Each structure stands twice: as C-alpha cells, then as structure tokens.
Protein backbone atom coordinates (compact mmCIF):
# COMPACT_ATOMS: atom_id res chain seq x y z
CA MET A 1 38.07 44.87 -79.54
CA LYS A 2 37.73 45.99 -76.01
CA SER A 3 36.06 49.16 -77.20
CA ASN A 4 33.52 47.10 -79.14
CA LYS A 5 32.59 45.17 -76.00
CA ILE A 6 32.15 48.44 -74.14
CA LEU A 7 29.83 49.78 -76.84
CA LEU A 8 27.80 46.56 -76.81
CA LEU A 9 27.45 46.76 -73.00
CA VAL A 10 26.27 50.37 -73.23
CA ALA A 11 23.67 49.40 -75.85
CA ILE A 12 22.37 46.59 -73.67
CA LEU A 13 22.12 48.90 -70.63
CA ALA A 14 20.29 51.51 -72.73
CA GLY A 15 17.80 48.89 -73.86
CA LEU A 16 17.13 47.84 -70.26
CA VAL A 17 16.53 51.44 -69.21
CA LEU A 18 14.13 52.00 -72.11
CA SER A 19 12.28 48.80 -71.28
CA ALA A 20 11.95 49.88 -67.63
CA ALA A 21 10.56 53.25 -68.70
CA CYS A 22 7.91 51.48 -70.78
CA ALA A 23 6.99 49.31 -67.80
CA VAL A 24 6.38 52.38 -65.61
CA GLU A 25 4.08 53.96 -68.22
CA ILE A 26 1.95 50.79 -68.52
CA GLU A 27 1.26 50.79 -64.77
CA TYR A 28 -1.02 53.83 -65.20
CA LEU A 29 -3.11 52.46 -68.11
CA PRO A 30 -5.78 50.56 -66.07
CA THR A 31 -7.58 53.89 -65.53
CA LYS A 32 -8.48 53.81 -69.25
CA THR A 33 -10.67 51.38 -71.15
CA PRO A 34 -8.43 49.00 -73.10
CA GLN A 35 -9.27 48.86 -76.80
CA PRO A 36 -8.94 45.53 -78.67
CA ASP A 37 -6.69 45.38 -81.67
CA PRO A 38 -8.99 45.14 -84.72
CA THR A 39 -6.31 43.25 -86.58
CA MET A 40 -6.31 40.46 -83.96
CA ILE A 41 -10.09 40.19 -82.99
CA GLU A 42 -13.07 39.91 -85.35
CA THR A 43 -15.96 42.04 -83.99
CA PRO A 44 -19.36 41.54 -85.65
CA GLU A 45 -20.98 44.76 -86.85
CA ILE A 46 -23.85 45.87 -84.57
CA PRO A 47 -26.52 48.21 -85.98
CA VAL A 48 -27.14 51.47 -84.15
CA GLU A 49 -30.92 50.79 -83.84
CA THR A 50 -32.56 47.43 -83.38
CA THR A 51 -36.19 46.34 -83.45
CA SER A 52 -35.59 43.06 -81.69
CA SER A 53 -36.73 42.87 -78.08
CA ALA A 54 -35.87 39.19 -77.57
CA THR A 55 -32.18 39.67 -76.77
CA ALA A 56 -31.87 43.38 -76.12
CA SER A 57 -32.03 44.56 -72.53
CA PRO A 58 -32.59 48.20 -71.57
CA GLU A 59 -29.69 49.94 -69.92
CA PRO A 60 -30.34 51.64 -66.59
CA SER A 61 -30.74 55.40 -66.70
CA ALA A 62 -30.28 57.84 -63.86
CA THR A 63 -33.02 60.06 -65.35
CA LEU A 64 -35.71 57.35 -65.54
CA THR A 65 -39.12 58.88 -64.64
CA PRO A 66 -42.32 57.16 -63.46
CA THR A 67 -44.97 56.23 -65.99
CA PRO A 68 -47.46 59.09 -66.56
CA ILE A 69 -50.39 56.85 -65.54
CA ALA A 70 -49.25 57.05 -61.92
CA THR A 71 -49.50 60.84 -61.90
CA LEU A 72 -52.66 61.53 -63.92
CA GLU A 73 -54.41 64.75 -63.04
CA PRO A 74 -57.95 64.31 -61.67
CA VAL A 75 -60.85 64.90 -64.03
CA THR A 76 -62.53 68.23 -63.35
CA PHE A 77 -65.52 70.14 -64.71
CA THR A 78 -66.03 73.91 -64.61
CA VAL A 79 -69.66 74.81 -63.96
CA GLY A 80 -71.32 76.94 -66.63
CA GLU A 81 -74.34 79.21 -66.42
CA LYS A 82 -76.96 76.48 -66.98
CA ASP A 83 -75.15 73.47 -65.52
CA ASP A 84 -76.48 71.43 -62.62
CA MET A 85 -75.09 68.41 -60.77
CA PHE A 86 -77.51 65.92 -62.29
CA SER A 87 -76.65 66.83 -65.87
CA ILE A 88 -72.91 66.74 -65.08
CA ALA A 89 -73.26 63.31 -63.47
CA LEU A 90 -75.31 62.15 -66.45
CA TYR A 91 -72.68 63.41 -68.90
CA TYR A 92 -69.88 61.48 -67.18
CA GLY A 93 -72.05 58.43 -66.49
CA ILE A 94 -71.55 58.47 -62.74
CA PRO A 95 -74.10 58.33 -59.89
CA LEU A 96 -75.29 61.72 -58.65
CA GLU A 97 -74.51 60.73 -55.06
CA ALA A 98 -70.92 59.90 -56.05
CA LEU A 99 -70.51 63.38 -57.51
CA LYS A 100 -71.97 64.98 -54.37
CA THR A 101 -69.71 62.90 -52.11
CA THR A 102 -66.62 63.85 -54.11
CA ASN A 103 -67.51 67.55 -53.77
CA PRO A 104 -68.79 67.84 -50.17
CA ASN A 105 -68.18 71.60 -49.97
CA VAL A 106 -70.34 72.40 -53.03
CA ASN A 107 -74.05 73.09 -52.59
CA PRO A 108 -75.78 71.23 -55.47
CA ASN A 109 -78.60 73.79 -55.50
CA ALA A 110 -76.36 76.87 -55.45
CA MET A 111 -73.29 76.17 -57.58
CA GLY A 112 -71.63 79.40 -58.60
CA LEU A 113 -70.50 80.12 -62.13
CA GLY A 114 -66.95 78.83 -62.53
CA THR A 115 -67.14 76.32 -59.69
CA VAL A 116 -64.68 73.49 -60.38
CA LEU A 117 -66.05 70.04 -59.59
CA GLN A 118 -63.91 66.96 -59.07
CA ILE A 119 -65.21 64.09 -61.22
CA PRO A 120 -64.69 60.67 -59.54
CA LEU A 121 -63.23 58.81 -62.50
CA THR A 122 -59.83 58.25 -64.12
CA PRO A 123 -59.20 59.44 -67.69
CA THR A 124 -58.41 56.64 -70.12
CA PRO A 125 -57.53 56.60 -73.84
CA ARG A 126 -60.38 56.78 -76.28
CA PRO A 127 -60.95 53.72 -78.51
CA THR A 128 -59.76 54.04 -82.08
CA SER A 129 -63.12 53.14 -83.60
CA ASP A 130 -66.58 54.58 -83.13
CA PRO A 131 -68.60 52.42 -80.72
CA SER A 132 -71.86 53.73 -82.19
CA LYS A 133 -72.18 50.65 -84.44
CA PRO A 134 -74.62 48.50 -82.54
CA THR A 135 -76.42 45.50 -83.81
CA ASN A 136 -79.96 46.85 -83.55
CA GLN A 137 -81.15 44.19 -81.19
CA SER A 138 -83.48 45.13 -78.35
CA THR A 139 -84.77 41.99 -76.76
CA GLY A 140 -87.17 41.06 -74.02
CA GLU A 141 -90.50 42.60 -73.07
CA SER A 142 -93.12 42.18 -70.38
CA SER A 143 -96.89 42.29 -70.50
CA ALA A 144 -96.73 45.97 -69.49
CA LEU A 145 -93.44 47.38 -70.79
CA LYS A 146 -91.90 47.19 -74.23
CA LEU A 147 -88.77 48.55 -75.88
CA THR A 148 -89.92 50.57 -78.88
CA ASN A 149 -86.66 51.26 -80.72
CA ALA A 150 -83.20 49.77 -81.16
CA ALA A 151 -80.70 50.61 -78.45
CA ARG A 152 -78.00 52.99 -79.66
CA CYS A 153 -74.61 53.90 -78.19
CA TYR A 154 -72.55 57.04 -78.67
CA PRO A 155 -68.88 57.55 -77.70
CA ASP A 156 -67.90 60.15 -75.15
CA ALA A 157 -64.75 62.23 -74.78
CA LEU A 158 -63.09 59.72 -72.42
CA GLY A 159 -63.67 56.63 -74.56
CA GLY A 160 -66.80 55.38 -72.81
CA ALA A 161 -70.16 54.65 -74.42
CA ARG A 162 -73.47 56.38 -73.65
CA CYS A 163 -76.41 54.18 -74.58
CA LEU A 164 -80.10 55.03 -74.96
CA VAL A 165 -83.26 53.06 -75.64
CA LEU A 166 -86.98 53.95 -75.53
CA LEU A 167 -89.30 52.20 -73.09
CA THR A 168 -93.11 52.32 -73.43
CA ASN A 169 -95.77 51.52 -70.84
CA GLU A 170 -98.39 49.62 -72.83
CA SER A 171 -100.54 48.85 -69.82
CA GLU A 172 -103.54 50.85 -68.57
CA GLU A 173 -101.91 51.56 -65.18
CA ARG A 174 -99.02 53.73 -64.16
CA LEU A 175 -95.90 51.81 -63.20
CA GLU A 176 -93.03 52.58 -60.87
CA ASN A 177 -89.24 52.11 -61.04
CA PRO A 178 -89.01 50.58 -64.53
CA ALA A 179 -85.57 49.11 -65.24
CA VAL A 180 -83.81 48.08 -68.46
CA GLY A 181 -80.78 45.86 -68.99
CA PHE A 182 -77.98 46.75 -71.39
CA ARG A 183 -75.31 44.35 -72.65
CA LEU A 184 -72.25 45.07 -74.79
CA LYS A 185 -70.80 42.34 -77.02
CA ASN A 186 -67.76 42.13 -79.22
CA PRO A 187 -68.04 41.10 -82.91
CA TYR A 188 -67.54 37.45 -81.89
CA GLY A 189 -70.61 37.48 -79.66
CA SER A 190 -68.79 37.41 -76.33
CA ASN A 191 -70.13 39.55 -73.49
CA VAL A 192 -68.01 42.60 -72.69
CA ALA A 193 -70.10 44.44 -70.11
CA GLU A 194 -73.62 44.42 -68.72
CA MET A 195 -75.70 46.59 -66.39
CA ILE A 196 -79.25 47.21 -65.18
CA VAL A 197 -80.40 50.84 -64.99
CA PHE A 198 -83.61 52.61 -63.97
CA ALA A 199 -85.57 55.12 -66.02
CA PRO A 200 -84.81 58.80 -65.25
CA LEU A 201 -88.27 59.25 -63.64
CA ASN A 202 -89.81 57.05 -60.96
CA LEU A 203 -93.26 56.91 -62.56
CA MET A 204 -94.40 55.86 -66.03
CA PRO A 205 -98.01 56.83 -66.74
CA ALA A 206 -100.10 54.55 -68.94
CA GLY A 207 -99.08 54.95 -72.58
CA ALA A 208 -95.97 57.00 -71.75
CA THR A 209 -92.61 56.49 -73.48
CA LEU A 210 -89.37 57.37 -71.69
CA PRO A 211 -85.72 57.00 -72.65
CA VAL A 212 -83.50 54.84 -70.45
CA TYR A 213 -79.84 55.76 -70.28
CA ALA A 214 -76.78 53.63 -69.49
CA TYR A 215 -73.11 54.62 -69.36
CA PHE A 216 -70.27 52.16 -69.94
CA PRO A 217 -66.92 53.63 -68.82
CA ALA A 218 -63.77 53.41 -70.91
CA PRO A 219 -62.25 51.51 -72.47
CA VAL A 220 -65.05 50.34 -74.73
CA PRO A 221 -63.84 47.71 -77.24
CA GLU A 222 -63.86 48.37 -80.95
CA ASP A 223 -66.94 47.48 -83.03
CA VAL A 224 -69.05 47.01 -79.93
CA GLN A 225 -72.60 45.74 -80.27
CA VAL A 226 -75.42 46.56 -77.83
CA GLU A 227 -78.49 44.67 -76.71
CA ALA A 228 -81.26 45.86 -74.37
CA TRP A 229 -84.15 44.18 -72.58
CA VAL A 230 -86.91 44.99 -70.09
CA ASP A 231 -85.70 43.92 -66.67
CA SER A 232 -88.27 44.86 -64.02
CA TRP A 233 -90.94 47.27 -62.83
CA LEU A 234 -93.34 47.73 -59.89
CA PRO A 235 -97.08 48.38 -59.83
CA THR A 236 -98.47 51.37 -57.94
CA MET A 237 -101.39 50.98 -55.56
CA PRO A 238 -104.62 52.91 -56.23
CA GLU A 239 -104.44 54.50 -52.76
CA ASP A 240 -100.79 55.51 -53.19
CA GLU A 241 -100.58 59.24 -52.41
CA ARG A 242 -96.81 59.70 -52.53
CA TYR A 243 -96.94 61.49 -55.88
CA ALA A 244 -98.72 64.74 -56.72
CA SER A 245 -100.33 65.80 -59.96
CA VAL A 246 -97.97 68.14 -61.85
CA THR A 247 -98.69 70.22 -64.94
CA ILE A 248 -96.32 71.98 -67.34
CA SER A 249 -98.25 75.25 -67.49
CA LYS A 250 -95.76 77.17 -69.68
CA GLN A 251 -92.91 76.02 -71.88
CA GLN A 252 -90.50 77.49 -74.39
CA ILE A 253 -87.84 75.65 -76.39
CA VAL A 254 -85.08 77.51 -78.23
CA TYR A 255 -82.67 75.51 -80.42
CA GLU A 256 -79.03 76.63 -80.43
CA ASN A 257 -75.57 75.59 -81.72
CA ASP A 258 -76.83 74.34 -85.08
CA ASP A 259 -79.62 72.43 -83.31
CA ARG A 260 -77.11 70.52 -81.18
CA SER A 261 -78.60 71.95 -77.97
CA ALA A 262 -81.94 73.29 -76.81
CA LEU A 263 -82.72 75.86 -74.09
CA VAL A 264 -85.85 74.75 -72.23
CA SER A 265 -87.80 77.06 -69.92
CA GLY A 266 -91.27 77.50 -68.49
CA GLU A 267 -93.38 76.95 -65.37
CA LEU A 268 -94.73 73.96 -63.46
CA SER A 269 -97.83 73.70 -61.29
CA VAL A 270 -98.10 71.09 -58.52
CA ALA A 271 -101.32 70.14 -56.72
CA THR A 272 -99.99 69.66 -53.20
CA GLN A 273 -103.28 69.09 -51.35
CA GLY A 274 -101.82 71.06 -48.45
CA ARG A 275 -98.73 68.84 -48.10
CA GLN A 276 -95.06 69.67 -48.39
CA ILE A 277 -93.23 68.95 -51.64
CA ALA A 278 -90.36 66.44 -51.40
CA ASN A 279 -89.07 66.92 -54.95
CA VAL A 280 -90.08 68.19 -58.39
CA TRP A 281 -88.36 66.87 -61.50
CA LEU A 282 -88.55 67.97 -65.11
CA LEU A 283 -87.16 65.67 -67.80
CA ALA A 284 -86.24 67.09 -71.22
CA VAL A 285 -85.62 64.54 -73.98
CA ALA A 286 -84.11 65.41 -77.37
CA TYR A 287 -84.99 63.33 -80.46
CA ASP A 288 -83.69 63.16 -84.01
CA ALA A 289 -85.92 63.21 -87.10
CA ASP A 290 -86.36 59.41 -86.92
CA GLY A 291 -87.61 59.50 -83.33
CA ASN A 292 -84.41 58.17 -81.75
CA PRO A 293 -83.36 59.81 -78.45
CA LEU A 294 -80.22 61.93 -78.76
CA GLY A 295 -79.93 63.20 -75.20
CA LEU A 296 -81.78 63.88 -71.96
CA ARG A 297 -81.55 66.28 -69.05
CA ARG A 298 -83.30 66.09 -65.69
CA TRP A 299 -83.87 69.36 -63.85
CA GLU A 300 -84.70 69.45 -60.12
CA ALA A 301 -86.45 72.32 -58.33
CA SER A 302 -84.75 73.92 -55.35
CA LEU A 303 -86.50 73.45 -52.02
CA PRO A 304 -88.42 74.85 -50.26
CA ILE A 305 -90.95 75.92 -52.91
CA SER A 306 -92.83 79.09 -52.01
CA ASP A 307 -95.52 78.91 -54.69
CA PRO A 308 -96.35 75.39 -55.95
CA GLY A 309 -98.64 76.88 -58.56
CA LYS A 310 -95.79 78.72 -60.31
CA ILE A 311 -92.48 76.86 -60.26
CA PRO A 312 -90.14 78.34 -62.91
CA PHE A 313 -87.64 76.05 -64.64
CA GLU A 314 -84.80 76.52 -67.10
CA THR A 315 -82.25 74.02 -68.36
CA ILE A 316 -80.35 72.91 -71.48
CA VAL A 317 -80.46 69.52 -73.18
CA TYR A 318 -77.56 68.54 -75.44
CA SER A 319 -77.39 66.14 -78.38
CA MET A 320 -74.96 63.23 -78.22
CA ALA A 321 -74.93 62.92 -82.03
CA GLY A 322 -76.50 65.01 -84.77
CA PRO A 323 -79.07 67.82 -84.84
CA ILE A 324 -82.11 67.84 -82.56
CA ASP A 325 -85.46 67.60 -84.33
CA ARG A 326 -87.73 68.06 -81.31
CA VAL A 327 -87.74 68.09 -77.51
CA GLU A 328 -90.36 66.50 -75.26
CA LEU A 329 -90.90 67.42 -71.60
CA PHE A 330 -92.05 65.21 -68.72
CA ALA A 331 -92.64 66.20 -65.09
CA GLU A 332 -92.94 64.40 -61.78
CA ALA A 333 -93.60 65.63 -58.23
CA ARG A 334 -93.37 63.72 -54.98
CA LEU A 335 -94.88 64.80 -51.67
CA SER A 336 -93.43 64.45 -48.20
CA THR A 337 -94.63 61.47 -46.19
CA PRO A 338 -97.49 62.55 -43.87
C-alpha cells in the first residue's frame, strides 16, 4: 500500500514537470503569428481577386513609384532637310514665337540638319474616335469676306484637332488682317472650345481665297463638331506703302509620297522701289479633288536679300488627310518703314 502511494506521488510529480516544460515552450510562441483553429472559428471564404472598390483598400507597398504623368519626356522634333520653324510650329499648332522662345540657341534661318527642337507642349493621349466628323456648318459673313466651304478638322498625332476653312475676299479692295472664329461642340450642342485666328498672310487681295487654320490641343472630345465664322478684318488705305508688289516668276511643284506631299520651288521678284525688304512670305496651299484645303506651308525668305529680282524658294507642303490634287501659291512682301 505504501508502495502504491509512492508510485502515485511520482506520477503526480512527473505530470507537474511535464506541464512546466510545456509552459516554457509557450513563452517563445509570440514571435510567430498565431493561427486560429478552423474547427472552432468559421472564416468566410475570400476570393483571391476582387472587382469591388467600395470596401477594398490598397495595401502600402515599399516599391510604389510615381505616376508616369509626372515624369513625361518633353516633346521634341528633329529637323529634316526641308523643315523650317514656321512649318514645325504650324504642325504642332503653337505660336512661332513660342517655339523660338523655347529654343533660344537655335537660329530659325539656319537650322542644321538633325537639330533637335524642344516643342512647348505636353503629350496627351489621343482620343479614341476620329474628330474629323464635323457638322458642316460655317456661319457668319461680312459685306467683304465670306466663308466659301465647310470647316473641316483632322486629328493629329497627339490627339489635337487641326481645322481649316476657306475665306474669300468678295470686295473690290484688298483687306488686311482677316480673322476667323472656330468653335468646337459636342454632340449635345455644348461648346467645348473656341478661338479666333488670323489668316496666314496679312493681305487679302480683291477676289482672293485663302485658307485659315486653327489648332485645338488635346484632348479633343469624341464626335466633335466644328463651326466657323468671319470675325474681323481691316481696310487698307490707298496711300499705304508698307507692302511691295511681289511676283512668282518661276515655280515647280513635284508630288511625292503617293501625293501626300508636294515639293514646291521657284523664284520670287519684289519691286522694292529702292527700299529695304522687311519680310517676304510664300504660302503653299494643298487642296483635294473637291477643292477642300488639306494643308498649308508658309515659307519665309532669309534676310538680307541681295537680289530682290531673283529670290529662290523651296519648301514642302504636307496633306493632313488624303492625296493632294493641286497646290496653289501666294506671295507677300513687306518693306521696311522709311
């Protein structure tokens, strides 16, 4: 009997020792993540991927990077053999002075082949639809000027819209600084954007027709509609001697790239009347078979001009949409103030 009590005491002591050993092992478990017993707690099943954003919250990440919009590379243009600053500014729809200011170390009249120009605009996504679906509404005319075709818009590579309309001087006098208004509307008739722009030449002789160009930067809404109207113009005085008579004495037009571009060259002659020339411009306008303008390019002569009777010119006009049917040339010369 005594031996039985001794055995029972030993068993109890062994149990206490084992229990103490378990207690020591549990003290080190807080360094691990405790797992719930699935037999005691019901855990709802959570899908691996979820499309709900109402209750989900993103978890922080140590590798989170800034949005790419904050680090966009600047827009640049590499000058080709026939490129000039005016045509580049026209292509991107920015003022010529803005392009010159952004590139102060580049001589506009002596840009070398391969010169990289900084373009003062920010690239934006292109719209998913073609904004060349205008309602053919060209409204408003004056007693002297009239819009002679429907304004049309063409998308550019950055998602903007390049718009053209033809303006005709129906008066018997030459006019100066003609301006046209352009307005973009969405399919519901609400105004999206609006601007007033001047014709590419200062003067419009009697009976002349010139294209007027407007650029709307991206993003241009889908299914945009365009309207145009005559905004303003100035008369020229009979005694005004600021402009000189200019003649296109020679011209040659060679169509290239499946008639999507045209190489224009020739000579100009300016009657200076013994005065210095301030500027000489040549405007090349490309038209489709229906008489709608497809593109324009203004060339400017380098100063000083040694022989005003033989001023050579060469430039390229590009189509914004479709093959070119013909190209028309216009010239303007302005003299220095006496």
